[in-house]
Amino acid sequence: MNIKLRDEYLLKRRKKKITMQEIAEYIGCSQSLISRYETGNCGMSKEKIQKYREYIDQK
């Protein structure tokens, strides 16, 4: 996922008032991984990114 798309999903998540904890539980990872991913400090596997996007899109 490129930076622009990551930022777009971050804004969508905030607008929908979805917490990082909700997404972390859905994906099966830590809240800190979601935080680091959204700030661009680390990456996630393609599978986790897909689940991240699916969760935000479905809410």
PDB file of N, CA and C in Angstrom:
ATOM      1  N   MET A   1       0.859  -1.173   0.000  1.00  0.00           N
ATOM      2  CA  MET A   1       0.000   0.000   0.000  1.00  0.00           C
ATOM      3  C   MET A   1       0.903   1.233   0.000  1.00  0.00           C
ATOM      4  N   ASN A   2       0.676   2.138  -0.914  1.00  0.00           N
ATOM      5  CA  ASN A   2       1.521   3.331  -0.938  1.00  0.00           C
ATOM      6  C   ASN A   2       1.097   4.316   0.144  1.00  0.00           C
ATOM      7  N   ILE A   3       1.921   5.331   0.327  1.00  0.00           N
ATOM      8  CA  ILE A   3       1.697   6.269   1.422  1.00  0.00           C
ATOM      9  C   ILE A   3       0.359   6.996   1.259  1.00  0.00           C
ATOM     10  N   LYS A   4       0.031   7.420   0.068  1.00  0.00           N
ATOM     11  CA  LYS A   4      -1.217   8.143  -0.142  1.00  0.00           C
ATOM     12  C   LYS A   4      -2.431   7.292   0.246  1.00  0.00           C
ATOM     13  N   LEU A   5      -2.441   6.038  -0.159  1.00  0.00           N
ATOM     14  CA  LEU A   5      -3.550   5.152   0.168  1.00  0.00           C
ATOM     15  C   LEU A   5      -3.602   4.873   1.670  1.00  0.00           C
ATOM     16  N   ARG A   6      -2.450   4.723   2.292  1.00  0.00           N
ATOM     17  CA  ARG A   6      -2.404   4.506   3.739  1.00  0.00           C
ATOM     18  C   ARG A   6      -3.007   5.710   4.461  1.00  0.00           C
ATOM     19  N   ASP A   7      -2.648   6.913   4.030  1.00  0.00           N
ATOM     20  CA  ASP A   7      -3.203   8.124   4.644  1.00  0.00           C
ATOM     21  C   ASP A   7      -4.705   8.220   4.421  1.00  0.00           C
ATOM     22  N   GLU A   8      -5.150   7.818   3.241  1.00  0.00           N
ATOM     23  CA  GLU A   8      -6.576   7.836   2.929  1.00  0.00           C
ATOM     24  C   GLU A   8      -7.353   6.920   3.881  1.00  0.00           C
ATOM     25  N   TYR A   9      -6.805   5.727   4.129  1.00  0.00           N
ATOM     26  CA  TYR A   9      -7.480   4.790   5.036  1.00  0.00           C
ATOM     27  C   TYR A   9      -7.404   5.255   6.488  1.00  0.00           C
ATOM     28  N   LEU A  10      -6.341   5.935   6.852  1.00  0.00           N
ATOM     29  CA  LEU A  10      -6.250   6.499   8.196  1.00  0.00           C
ATOM     30  C   LEU A  10      -7.358   7.529   8.393  1.00  0.00           C
ATOM     31  N   LEU A  11      -7.553   8.388   7.411  1.00  0.00           N
ATOM     32  CA  LEU A  11      -8.617   9.388   7.508  1.00  0.00           C
ATOM     33  C   LEU A  11      -9.999   8.739   7.539  1.00  0.00           C
ATOM     34  N   LYS A  12     -10.200   7.696   6.732  1.00  0.00           N
ATOM     35  CA  LYS A  12     -11.477   6.971   6.740  1.00  0.00           C
ATOM     36  C   LYS A  12     -11.736   6.365   8.111  1.00  0.00           C
ATOM     37  N   ARG A  13     -10.687   5.767   8.687  1.00  0.00           N
ATOM     38  CA  ARG A  13     -10.819   5.127  10.000  1.00  0.00           C
ATOM     39  C   ARG A  13     -11.225   6.143  11.048  1.00  0.00           C
ATOM     40  N   ARG A  14     -10.571   7.287  11.039  1.00  0.00           N
ATOM     41  CA  ARG A  14     -10.885   8.330  12.024  1.00  0.00           C
ATOM     42  C   ARG A  14     -12.283   8.893  11.821  1.00  0.00           C
ATOM     43  N   LYS A  15     -12.667   9.106  10.560  1.00  0.00           N
ATOM     44  CA  LYS A  15     -13.986   9.646  10.252  1.00  0.00           C
ATOM     45  C   LYS A  15     -15.092   8.701  10.726  1.00  0.00           C
ATOM     46  N   LYS A  16     -14.855   7.397  10.591  1.00  0.00           N
ATOM     47  CA  LYS A  16     -15.837   6.392  11.001  1.00  0.00           C
ATOM     48  C   LYS A  16     -15.725   6.065  12.492  1.00  0.00           C
ATOM     49  N   LYS A  17     -14.779   6.711  13.170  1.00  0.00           N
ATOM     50  CA  LYS A  17     -14.543   6.514  14.605  1.00  0.00           C
ATOM     51  C   LYS A  17     -14.225   5.054  14.952  1.00  0.00           C
ATOM     52  N   ILE A  18     -13.419   4.440  14.104  1.00  0.00           N
ATOM     53  CA  ILE A  18     -12.952   3.069  14.346  1.00  0.00           C
ATOM     54  C   ILE A  18     -11.632   3.172  15.107  1.00  0.00           C
ATOM     55  N   THR A  19     -11.536   2.455  16.218  1.00  0.00           N
ATOM     56  CA  THR A  19     -10.303   2.515  17.005  1.00  0.00           C
ATOM     57  C   THR A  19      -9.254   1.565  16.437  1.00  0.00           C
ATOM     58  N   MET A  20      -8.001   1.868  16.772  1.00  0.00           N
ATOM     59  CA  MET A  20      -6.911   0.976  16.373  1.00  0.00           C
ATOM     60  C   MET A  20      -7.091  -0.385  17.038  1.00  0.00           C
ATOM     61  N   GLN A  21      -7.620  -0.394  18.255  1.00  0.00           N
ATOM     62  CA  GLN A  21      -7.829  -1.645  18.977  1.00  0.00           C
ATOM     63  C   GLN A  21      -8.839  -2.525  18.261  1.00  0.00           C
ATOM     64  N   GLU A  22      -9.917  -1.939  17.739  1.00  0.00           N
ATOM     65  CA  GLU A  22     -10.917  -2.713  16.985  1.00  0.00           C
ATOM     66  C   GLU A  22     -10.269  -3.413  15.796  1.00  0.00           C
ATOM     67  N   ILE A  23      -9.484  -2.659  15.053  1.00  0.00           N
ATOM     68  CA  ILE A  23      -8.835  -3.226  13.860  1.00  0.00           C
ATOM     69  C   ILE A  23      -7.816  -4.276  14.262  1.00  0.00           C
ATOM     70  N   ALA A  24      -7.053  -3.996  15.302  1.00  0.00           N
ATOM     71  CA  ALA A  24      -6.042  -4.950  15.759  1.00  0.00           C
ATOM     72  C   ALA A  24      -6.678  -6.284  16.141  1.00  0.00           C
ATOM     73  N   GLU A  25      -7.799  -6.231  16.834  1.00  0.00           N
ATOM     74  CA  GLU A  25      -8.488  -7.465  17.221  1.00  0.00           C
ATOM     75  C   GLU A  25      -9.009  -8.207  15.994  1.00  0.00           C
ATOM     76  N   TYR A  26      -9.521  -7.478  15.021  1.00  0.00           N
ATOM     77  CA  TYR A  26     -10.032  -8.092  13.785  1.00  0.00           C
ATOM     78  C   TYR A  26      -8.895  -8.766  13.001  1.00  0.00           C
ATOM     79  N   ILE A  27      -7.759  -8.073  12.917  1.00  0.00           N
ATOM     80  CA  ILE A  27      -6.623  -8.597  12.147  1.00  0.00           C
ATOM     81  C   ILE A  27      -5.890  -9.695  12.910  1.00  0.00           C
ATOM     82  N   GLY A  28      -5.843  -9.537  14.222  1.00  0.00           N
ATOM     83  CA  GLY A  28      -5.090 -10.482  15.037  1.00  0.00           C
ATOM     84  C   GLY A  28      -3.660 -10.020  15.256  1.00  0.00           C
ATOM     85  N   CYS A  29      -3.508  -8.726  15.537  1.00  0.00           N
ATOM     86  CA  CYS A  29      -2.178  -8.178  15.800  1.00  0.00           C
ATOM     87  C   CYS A  29      -2.294  -7.177  16.949  1.00  0.00           C
ATOM     88  N   SER A  30      -1.201  -6.514  17.278  1.00  0.00           N
ATOM     89  CA  SER A  30      -1.224  -5.560  18.375  1.00  0.00           C
ATOM     90  C   SER A  30      -1.668  -4.181  17.894  1.00  0.00           C
ATOM     91  N   GLN A  31      -2.181  -3.418  18.830  1.00  0.00           N
ATOM     92  CA  GLN A  31      -2.575  -2.046  18.528  1.00  0.00           C
ATOM     93  C   GLN A  31      -1.344  -1.234  18.124  1.00  0.00           C
ATOM     94  N   SER A  32      -0.209  -1.532  18.733  1.00  0.00           N
ATOM     95  CA  SER A  32       1.006  -0.781  18.412  1.00  0.00           C
ATOM     96  C   SER A  32       1.449  -1.025  16.966  1.00  0.00           C
ATOM     97  N   LEU A  33       1.202  -2.217  16.429  1.00  0.00           N
ATOM     98  CA  LEU A  33       1.533  -2.472  15.026  1.00  0.00           C
ATOM     99  C   LEU A  33       0.678  -1.590  14.120  1.00  0.00           C
ATOM    100  N   ILE A  34      -0.607  -1.459  14.436  1.00  0.00           N
ATOM    101  CA  ILE A  34      -1.493  -0.595  13.653  1.00  0.00           C
ATOM    102  C   ILE A  34      -0.989   0.847  13.719  1.00  0.00           C
ATOM    103  N   SER A  35      -0.635   1.292  14.894  1.00  0.00           N
ATOM    104  CA  SER A  35      -0.129   2.656  15.078  1.00  0.00           C
ATOM    105  C   SER A  35       1.145   2.881  14.260  1.00  0.00           C
ATOM    106  N   ARG A  36       2.082   1.959  14.364  1.00  0.00           N
ATOM    107  CA  ARG A  36       3.345   2.097  13.627  1.00  0.00           C
ATOM    108  C   ARG A  36       3.113   2.045  12.121  1.00  0.00           C
ATOM    109  N   TYR A  37       2.177   1.218  11.689  1.00  0.00           N
ATOM    110  CA  TYR A  37       1.852   1.127  10.267  1.00  0.00           C
ATOM    111  C   TYR A  37       1.268   2.449   9.769  1.00  0.00           C
ATOM    112  N   GLU A  38       0.317   3.000  10.522  1.00  0.00           N
ATOM    113  CA  GLU A  38      -0.344   4.228  10.094  1.00  0.00           C
ATOM    114  C   GLU A  38       0.603   5.424  10.072  1.00  0.00           C
ATOM    115  N   THR A  39       1.605   5.416  10.920  1.00  0.00           N
ATOM    116  CA  THR A  39       2.574   6.511  10.929  1.00  0.00           C
ATOM    117  C   THR A  39       3.725   6.271   9.956  1.00  0.00           C
ATOM    118  N   GLY A  40       3.732   5.108   9.329  1.00  0.00           N
ATOM    119  CA  GLY A  40       4.772   4.809   8.336  1.00  0.00           C
ATOM    120  C   GLY A  40       6.061   4.300   8.933  1.00  0.00           C
ATOM    121  N   ASN A  41       6.035   3.909  10.213  1.00  0.00           N
ATOM    122  CA  ASN A  41       7.243   3.442  10.878  1.00  0.00           C
ATOM    123  C   ASN A  41       7.521   1.961  10.672  1.00  0.00           C
ATOM    124  N   CYS A  42       6.570   1.224  10.135  1.00  0.00           N
ATOM    125  CA  CYS A  42       6.796  -0.183   9.823  1.00  0.00           C
ATOM    126  C   CYS A  42       5.747  -0.627   8.809  1.00  0.00           C
ATOM    127  N   GLY A  43       5.978  -1.754   8.237  1.00  0.00           N
ATOM    128  CA  GLY A  43       5.032  -2.299   7.272  1.00  0.00           C
ATOM    129  C   GLY A  43       4.262  -3.460   7.877  1.00  0.00           C
ATOM    130  N   MET A  44       3.270  -3.914   7.139  1.00  0.00           N
ATOM    131  CA  MET A  44       2.512  -5.104   7.529  1.00  0.00           C
ATOM    132  C   MET A  44       2.466  -6.016   6.310  1.00  0.00           C
ATOM    133  N   SER A  45       2.154  -7.267   6.550  1.00  0.00           N
ATOM    134  CA  SER A  45       2.028  -8.217   5.442  1.00  0.00           C
ATOM    135  C   SER A  45       0.851  -7.820   4.560  1.00  0.00           C
ATOM    136  N   LYS A  46       0.867  -8.272   3.334  1.00  0.00           N
ATOM    137  CA  LYS A  46      -0.224  -7.974   2.399  1.00  0.00           C
ATOM    138  C   LYS A  46      -1.556  -8.459   2.947  1.00  0.00           C
ATOM    139  N   GLU A  47      -1.550  -9.607   3.615  1.00  0.00           N
ATOM    140  CA  GLU A  47      -2.776 -10.158   4.177  1.00  0.00           C
ATOM    141  C   GLU A  47      -3.344  -9.238   5.261  1.00  0.00           C
ATOM    142  N   LYS A  48      -2.479  -8.715   6.116  1.00  0.00           N
ATOM    143  CA  LYS A  48      -2.938  -7.832   7.188  1.00  0.00           C
ATOM    144  C   LYS A  48      -3.427  -6.505   6.623  1.00  0.00           C
ATOM    145  N   ILE A  49      -2.746  -5.996   5.602  1.00  0.00           N
ATOM    146  CA  ILE A  49      -3.186  -4.757   4.971  1.00  0.00           C
ATOM    147  C   ILE A  49      -4.559  -4.958   4.343  1.00  0.00           C
ATOM    148  N   GLN A  50      -4.761  -6.101   3.714  1.00  0.00           N
ATOM    149  CA  GLN A  50      -6.055  -6.388   3.100  1.00  0.00           C
ATOM    150  C   GLN A  50      -7.155  -6.429   4.154  1.00  0.00           C
ATOM    151  N   LYS A  51      -6.888  -7.102   5.274  1.00  0.00           N
ATOM    152  CA  LYS A  51      -7.878  -7.165   6.351  1.00  0.00           C
ATOM    153  C   LYS A  51      -8.127  -5.786   6.948  1.00  0.00           C
ATOM    154  N   TYR A  52      -7.089  -4.985   7.094  1.00  0.00           N
ATOM    155  CA  TYR A  52      -7.198  -3.611   7.592  1.00  0.00           C
ATOM    156  C   TYR A  52      -8.143  -2.812   6.706  1.00  0.00           C
ATOM    157  N   ARG A  53      -7.928  -2.871   5.414  1.00  0.00           N
ATOM    158  CA  ARG A  53      -8.768  -2.137   4.466  1.00  0.00           C
ATOM    159  C   ARG A  53     -10.197  -2.674   4.452  1.00  0.00           C
ATOM    160  N   GLU A  54     -10.356  -3.987   4.490  1.00  0.00           N
ATOM    161  CA  GLU A  54     -11.695  -4.593   4.494  1.00  0.00           C
ATOM    162  C   GLU A  54     -12.500  -4.119   5.701  1.00  0.00           C
ATOM    163  N   TYR A  55     -11.871  -4.127   6.864  1.00  0.00           N
ATOM    164  CA  TYR A  55     -12.576  -3.738   8.089  1.00  0.00           C
ATOM    165  C   TYR A  55     -13.063  -2.299   7.994  1.00  0.00           C
ATOM    166  N   ILE A  56     -12.211  -1.409   7.541  1.00  0.00           N
ATOM    167  CA  ILE A  56     -12.578  -0.002   7.428  1.00  0.00           C
ATOM    168  C   ILE A  56     -13.671   0.182   6.386  1.00  0.00           C
ATOM    169  N   ASP A  57     -13.558  -0.503   5.268  1.00  0.00           N
ATOM    170  CA  ASP A  57     -14.558  -0.381   4.197  1.00  0.00           C
ATOM    171  C   ASP A  57     -15.915  -0.912   4.625  1.00  0.00           C
ATOM    172  N   GLN A  58     -15.929  -1.954   5.448  1.00  0.00           N
ATOM    173  CA  GLN A  58     -17.184  -2.604   5.846  1.00  0.00           C
ATOM    174  C   GLN A  58     -17.938  -1.832   6.930  1.00  0.00           C
ATOM    175  N   LYS A  59     -17.244  -1.039   7.685  1.00  0.00           N
ATOM    176  CA  LYS A  59     -17.883  -0.307   8.797  1.00  0.00           C
ATOM    177  C   LYS A  59     -18.664   0.876   8.314  1.00  0.00           C
TER     178      LYS A  59
END
